[in-house]
């Protein structure tokens, strides 16, 4: 399993075990600017860990009864 994913990979749903199809480049940019998600920038590309994406999803889960 990969450790880091680019925004393009996340947007295209290429993260194993996570339905990350809700993430667009614009959403990822907004989350970065609001510092709601961790990222690493190398050579002009932003990279995200699977764990950070999963934490964001879990934090924003709405429970229904």
C-alpha atoms as a PDB file:
ATOM      1  CA  UNK A   1       0.000   0.000   0.000  1.00  0.00           C
ATOM      2  CA  UNK A   2       1.321   3.456  -0.888  1.00  0.00           C
ATOM      3  CA  UNK A   3       2.259   5.896   1.860  1.00  0.00           C
ATOM      4  CA  UNK A   4       1.694   9.186  -0.002  1.00  0.00           C
ATOM      5  CA  UNK A   5      -0.872  10.185  -2.622  1.00  0.00           C
ATOM      6  CA  UNK A   6      -1.037  13.211  -4.895  1.00  0.00           C
ATOM      7  CA  UNK A   7      -4.169  15.315  -5.178  1.00  0.00           C
ATOM      8  CA  UNK A   8      -4.786  13.850  -8.622  1.00  0.00           C
ATOM      9  CA  UNK A   9      -4.672  10.300  -7.281  1.00  0.00           C
ATOM     10  CA  UNK A  10      -7.084  11.180  -4.485  1.00  0.00           C
ATOM     11  CA  UNK A  11      -9.460  12.982  -6.851  1.00  0.00           C
ATOM     12  CA  UNK A  12      -9.458   9.991  -9.199  1.00  0.00           C
ATOM     13  CA  UNK A  13     -10.264   7.568  -6.381  1.00  0.00           C
ATOM     14  CA  UNK A  14      -6.954   5.720  -6.478  1.00  0.00           C
ATOM     15  CA  UNK A  15      -6.593   5.368  -2.703  1.00  0.00           C
ATOM     16  CA  UNK A  16      -6.837   1.774  -1.590  1.00  0.00           C
ATOM     17  CA  UNK A  17      -9.622   1.121   0.913  1.00  0.00           C
ATOM     18  CA  UNK A  18     -10.979   4.680   1.027  1.00  0.00           C
ATOM     19  CA  UNK A  19     -13.783   6.133  -1.051  1.00  0.00           C
ATOM     20  CA  UNK A  20     -12.063   9.468  -1.578  1.00  0.00           C
ATOM     21  CA  UNK A  21     -14.155  10.402  -4.626  1.00  0.00           C
ATOM     22  CA  UNK A  22     -15.601  13.397  -2.779  1.00  0.00           C
ATOM     23  CA  UNK A  23     -12.212  15.127  -2.814  1.00  0.00           C
ATOM     24  CA  UNK A  24     -11.601  17.566  -5.659  1.00  0.00           C
ATOM     25  CA  UNK A  25      -8.512  19.676  -6.245  1.00  0.00           C
ATOM     26  CA  UNK A  26     -10.469  22.723  -5.034  1.00  0.00           C
ATOM     27  CA  UNK A  27     -11.581  20.992  -1.831  1.00  0.00           C
ATOM     28  CA  UNK A  28      -8.021  19.875  -1.099  1.00  0.00           C
ATOM     29  CA  UNK A  29      -6.783  23.449  -1.693  1.00  0.00           C
ATOM     30  CA  UNK A  30      -9.425  24.819   0.690  1.00  0.00           C
ATOM     31  CA  UNK A  31      -8.548  22.246   3.347  1.00  0.00           C
ATOM     32  CA  UNK A  32      -4.861  23.136   3.039  1.00  0.00           C
ATOM     33  CA  UNK A  33      -5.461  26.877   3.264  1.00  0.00           C
ATOM     34  CA  UNK A  34      -7.703  26.421   6.320  1.00  0.00           C
ATOM     35  CA  UNK A  35      -5.118  24.000   7.796  1.00  0.00           C
ATOM     36  CA  UNK A  36      -7.676  21.233   8.247  1.00  0.00           C
ATOM     37  CA  UNK A  37      -5.577  18.566   6.593  1.00  0.00           C
ATOM     38  CA  UNK A  38      -1.859  17.804   6.688  1.00  0.00           C
ATOM     39  CA  UNK A  39       0.187  17.734   3.508  1.00  0.00           C
ATOM     40  CA  UNK A  40       3.750  17.644   2.253  1.00  0.00           C
ATOM     41  CA  UNK A  41       4.857  19.739  -0.706  1.00  0.00           C
ATOM     42  CA  UNK A  42       7.744  18.500  -2.834  1.00  0.00           C
ATOM     43  CA  UNK A  43       8.665  19.919  -6.203  1.00  0.00           C
ATOM     44  CA  UNK A  44       5.435  21.887  -6.520  1.00  0.00           C
ATOM     45  CA  UNK A  45       3.186  18.861  -5.837  1.00  0.00           C
ATOM     46  CA  UNK A  46       1.205  18.298  -2.664  1.00  0.00           C
ATOM     47  CA  UNK A  47       1.182  14.846  -1.115  1.00  0.00           C
ATOM     48  CA  UNK A  48      -1.224  13.465   1.466  1.00  0.00           C
ATOM     49  CA  UNK A  49      -1.099  10.351   3.607  1.00  0.00           C
ATOM     50  CA  UNK A  50      -3.894   7.810   3.594  1.00  0.00           C
ATOM     51  CA  UNK A  51      -4.148   8.197   7.385  1.00  0.00           C
ATOM     52  CA  UNK A  52      -4.655  11.975   7.169  1.00  0.00           C
ATOM     53  CA  UNK A  53      -7.413  11.594   4.586  1.00  0.00           C
ATOM     54  CA  UNK A  54      -9.100   8.928   6.726  1.00  0.00           C
ATOM     55  CA  UNK A  55      -8.836  11.143   9.845  1.00  0.00           C
ATOM     56  CA  UNK A  56     -10.523  14.000   7.979  1.00  0.00           C
ATOM     57  CA  UNK A  57     -13.338  11.716   6.826  1.00  0.00           C
ATOM     58  CA  UNK A  58     -13.806  10.303  10.347  1.00  0.00           C
ATOM     59  CA  UNK A  59     -13.835  13.774  11.964  1.00  0.00           C
ATOM     60  CA  UNK A  60     -16.582  14.919   9.615  1.00  0.00           C
ATOM     61  CA  UNK A  61     -18.767  11.822   9.726  1.00  0.00           C
ATOM     62  CA  UNK A  62     -22.381  12.572  10.563  1.00  0.00           C
ATOM     63  CA  UNK A  63     -24.089   9.880  12.584  1.00  0.00           C
ATOM     64  CA  UNK A  64     -27.708   9.142  11.815  1.00  0.00           C
ATOM     65  CA  UNK A  65     -30.133   7.401  14.076  1.00  0.00           C
END
